[in-house]
Amino acid sequence: MVSASDPRGFPRPELPELAFSGRSNVGKSSLLNALVGIPGLARTSNTPGRTRLVNWFRVEPPHGKPVAFVDLPGYGYAKVAKSERAAWRPLVEAYLGRREVLRCVLVLIDARRGGEEEEAELLEYLAQAGVSSQVILTKADKLAKAKRKPAAAAVRRALGLPRDPLLASVEEPESLADLWRFLMRQAL
């Protein structure tokens, strides 16, 4: 739909919005592409930090009404200047604080890595701002099946979450179906 480097470029709030947030190398763009079934819709790269704008995508879900997926710039390690990385924070905070159509922020965490201080800070910020959030553990296929639920439980404990994170893998369509069901409940 649109990309914005400044709040003045944000589109008119029309569709329910589901925002994707996470570290620069967590697989946000890959997950977005897998969910919508369009490779290359959101730009992927081996270089962390490629998403530098807030990007809106109009999505026609398998079941339900259209929604907007919002790809937020990653945090943590990124191969960009510190000044540019620092400029992303006010942009993201402006988005999170002004979108009455924002239904949920998906906080993506690499299942192999677990939650860290930056995720805890983001979740606390969202809670204080009254923004609904859900932790998603990406790259779940990189863990043995027997280690996935314990990894989710460990993240829940570490971050003080009210429920276990959802597990997702772009390599496992059944995990994407579970995620779609969650997203459609949030979009109502």
Protein backbone atom coordinates (compact mmCIF):
# COMPACT_ATOMS: atom_id res chain seq x y z
CA MET A 1 0.00 0.00 0.00
CA VAL A 2 2.59 2.53 1.15
CA SER A 3 5.94 2.98 2.88
CA ALA A 4 6.65 5.84 5.26
CA SER A 5 9.80 7.32 6.73
CA ASP A 6 7.83 9.95 8.62
CA PRO A 7 4.42 9.91 10.39
CA ARG A 8 3.09 12.39 7.79
CA GLY A 9 3.40 9.56 5.26
CA PHE A 10 1.22 7.11 7.22
CA PRO A 11 -1.88 6.07 5.25
CA ARG A 12 -5.39 6.92 6.38
CA PRO A 13 -6.47 4.34 8.97
CA GLU A 14 -8.99 2.17 7.15
CA LEU A 15 -8.21 -1.53 7.57
CA PRO A 16 -7.50 -3.39 10.81
CA GLU A 17 -3.71 -3.42 11.17
CA LEU A 18 -1.49 -6.22 12.43
CA ALA A 19 2.08 -5.05 12.97
CA PHE A 20 5.18 -7.25 12.77
CA SER A 21 8.11 -6.28 15.00
CA GLY A 22 11.35 -7.98 15.93
CA ARG A 23 15.11 -8.05 15.70
CA SER A 24 16.68 -7.26 12.37
CA ASN A 25 17.48 -10.92 11.67
CA VAL A 26 14.39 -12.65 13.08
CA GLY A 27 12.75 -13.38 9.71
CA LYS A 28 9.93 -10.80 9.65
CA SER A 29 9.94 -10.36 5.90
CA SER A 30 10.17 -14.10 5.26
CA LEU A 31 7.21 -14.72 7.56
CA LEU A 32 5.15 -11.98 5.89
CA ASN A 33 5.91 -13.43 2.46
CA ALA A 34 5.04 -16.97 3.58
CA LEU A 35 1.76 -15.88 5.17
CA VAL A 36 0.54 -14.17 2.01
CA GLY A 37 2.11 -16.68 -0.38
CA ILE A 38 3.93 -14.05 -2.42
CA PRO A 39 7.72 -14.47 -2.43
CA GLY A 40 9.44 -11.11 -2.53
CA LEU A 41 6.46 -9.02 -1.37
CA ALA A 42 8.45 -7.91 1.66
CA ARG A 43 12.12 -7.61 0.81
CA THR A 44 14.32 -10.26 2.39
CA SER A 45 18.08 -10.13 2.72
CA ASN A 46 21.01 -11.86 4.35
CA THR A 47 22.02 -8.42 5.65
CA PRO A 48 20.14 -7.49 8.84
CA GLY A 49 18.39 -4.13 8.90
CA ARG A 50 16.97 -3.90 5.36
CA THR A 51 13.54 -2.78 6.56
CA ARG A 52 14.10 0.90 7.24
CA LEU A 53 10.59 2.27 6.75
CA VAL A 54 7.16 1.40 8.09
CA ASN A 55 5.60 -0.64 5.28
CA TRP A 56 1.87 -1.37 4.85
CA PHE A 57 0.59 -4.33 2.83
CA ARG A 58 -3.09 -4.87 2.04
CA VAL A 59 -3.77 -8.56 2.59
CA GLU A 60 -6.75 -10.64 1.48
CA PRO A 61 -6.78 -13.48 4.04
CA PRO A 62 -7.87 -17.02 3.18
CA HIS A 63 -10.99 -16.43 5.30
CA GLY A 64 -12.28 -13.07 6.46
CA LYS A 65 -12.10 -9.45 5.47
CA PRO A 66 -9.02 -7.58 4.22
CA VAL A 67 -6.43 -6.48 6.74
CA ALA A 68 -3.19 -4.53 6.61
CA PHE A 69 0.08 -6.14 7.61
CA VAL A 70 2.54 -3.53 8.84
CA ASP A 71 6.25 -4.33 8.68
CA LEU A 72 8.16 -2.27 11.25
CA PRO A 73 11.92 -1.64 11.11
CA GLY A 74 13.90 -4.23 13.06
CA TYR A 75 15.77 -3.48 16.24
CA GLY A 76 19.04 -4.83 17.58
CA TYR A 77 21.91 -5.57 15.24
CA ALA A 78 21.61 -3.98 11.80
CA LYS A 79 24.25 -3.02 9.26
CA VAL A 80 23.28 0.65 9.18
CA ALA A 81 24.63 3.78 10.81
CA LYS A 82 23.73 4.20 14.48
CA SER A 83 22.11 7.55 13.68
CA GLU A 84 19.77 5.90 11.16
CA ARG A 85 18.93 3.11 13.60
CA ALA A 86 18.23 5.73 16.29
CA ALA A 87 15.81 7.49 13.91
CA TRP A 88 13.68 4.34 13.62
CA ARG A 89 12.61 4.43 17.28
CA PRO A 90 10.61 7.71 17.10
CA LEU A 91 9.08 6.52 13.80
CA VAL A 92 7.95 3.23 15.35
CA GLU A 93 6.74 4.95 18.53
CA ALA A 94 4.74 7.44 16.44
CA TYR A 95 3.13 4.52 14.62
CA LEU A 96 2.35 2.59 17.81
CA GLY A 97 0.93 5.64 19.54
CA ARG A 98 -1.32 6.95 16.77
CA ARG A 99 -3.01 4.01 15.04
CA GLU A 100 -6.54 3.48 16.27
CA VAL A 101 -6.87 0.60 13.77
CA LEU A 102 -3.86 -1.25 15.21
CA ARG A 103 -5.22 -4.53 16.55
CA CYS A 104 -2.05 -6.33 17.64
CA VAL A 105 1.74 -6.11 17.49
CA LEU A 106 3.39 -9.43 16.80
CA VAL A 107 6.74 -9.50 18.58
CA LEU A 108 8.85 -11.98 16.64
CA ILE A 109 11.65 -13.81 18.44
CA ASP A 110 14.00 -16.44 17.00
CA ALA A 111 13.01 -19.70 18.72
CA ARG A 112 16.68 -20.66 19.08
CA ARG A 113 17.61 -17.40 20.78
CA GLY A 114 14.79 -16.69 23.22
CA GLY A 115 13.65 -13.35 24.58
CA GLU A 116 16.15 -10.76 25.69
CA GLU A 117 16.13 -7.31 27.27
CA GLU A 118 15.01 -5.54 24.08
CA GLU A 119 11.95 -7.78 23.74
CA ALA A 120 11.09 -7.27 27.42
CA GLU A 121 11.35 -3.49 26.97
CA LEU A 122 9.17 -3.57 23.84
CA LEU A 123 6.51 -5.69 25.53
CA GLU A 124 6.51 -3.38 28.55
CA TYR A 125 6.19 -0.33 26.27
CA LEU A 126 3.25 -1.94 24.43
CA ALA A 127 1.51 -2.85 27.69
CA GLN A 128 1.91 0.69 29.04
CA ALA A 129 0.58 2.10 25.76
CA GLY A 130 -2.43 -0.23 25.90
CA VAL A 131 -1.43 -1.98 22.66
CA SER A 132 -2.25 -5.68 22.36
CA SER A 133 0.74 -7.91 21.64
CA GLN A 134 1.58 -11.53 20.97
CA VAL A 135 5.00 -13.15 20.93
CA ILE A 136 5.71 -15.39 17.95
CA LEU A 137 8.72 -17.71 17.96
CA THR A 138 10.04 -17.81 14.40
CA LYS A 139 12.30 -20.41 12.80
CA ALA A 140 10.68 -23.10 14.95
CA ASP A 141 11.74 -25.71 12.39
CA LYS A 142 15.35 -25.09 13.47
CA LEU A 143 14.51 -26.75 16.82
CA ALA A 144 13.78 -30.44 17.27
CA LYS A 145 10.04 -30.97 17.73
CA ALA A 146 10.60 -32.15 21.32
CA LYS A 147 12.36 -28.86 22.16
CA ARG A 148 9.76 -26.45 20.76
CA LYS A 149 7.22 -26.39 23.59
CA PRO A 150 9.94 -26.18 26.26
CA ALA A 151 11.48 -23.26 24.33
CA ALA A 152 8.08 -21.50 24.23
CA ALA A 153 7.59 -22.11 27.96
CA ALA A 154 11.08 -20.73 28.68
CA VAL A 155 10.32 -17.53 26.74
CA ARG A 156 7.01 -17.20 28.57
CA ARG A 157 8.78 -17.41 31.94
CA ALA A 158 11.69 -15.17 30.92
CA LEU A 159 9.42 -12.40 29.62
CA GLY A 160 6.59 -12.85 32.14
CA LEU A 161 4.02 -13.52 29.41
CA PRO A 162 0.41 -14.39 30.23
CA ARG A 163 0.47 -17.24 27.65
CA ASP A 164 2.97 -19.27 25.67
CA PRO A 165 4.26 -17.73 22.46
CA LEU A 166 2.97 -19.11 19.17
CA LEU A 167 5.44 -21.15 17.14
CA ALA A 168 5.90 -20.38 13.44
CA SER A 169 8.06 -21.60 10.62
CA VAL A 170 8.01 -20.57 6.99
CA GLU A 171 8.98 -24.19 6.28
CA GLU A 172 5.93 -25.68 8.03
CA PRO A 173 2.55 -24.68 6.54
CA GLU A 174 0.57 -26.01 9.54
CA SER A 175 2.25 -23.45 11.81
CA LEU A 176 1.23 -20.70 9.38
CA ALA A 177 -2.39 -21.94 9.45
CA ASP A 178 -2.35 -21.64 13.27
CA LEU A 179 -0.91 -18.14 12.98
CA TRP A 180 -3.56 -17.14 10.41
CA ARG A 181 -6.32 -18.26 12.80
CA PHE A 182 -4.82 -16.11 15.55
CA LEU A 183 -4.44 -13.11 13.20
CA MET A 184 -8.05 -13.30 12.03
CA ARG A 185 -9.32 -13.37 15.62
CA GLN A 186 -7.26 -10.23 16.32
CA ALA A 187 -8.51 -8.42 13.21
CA LEU A 188 -12.17 -8.57 14.31
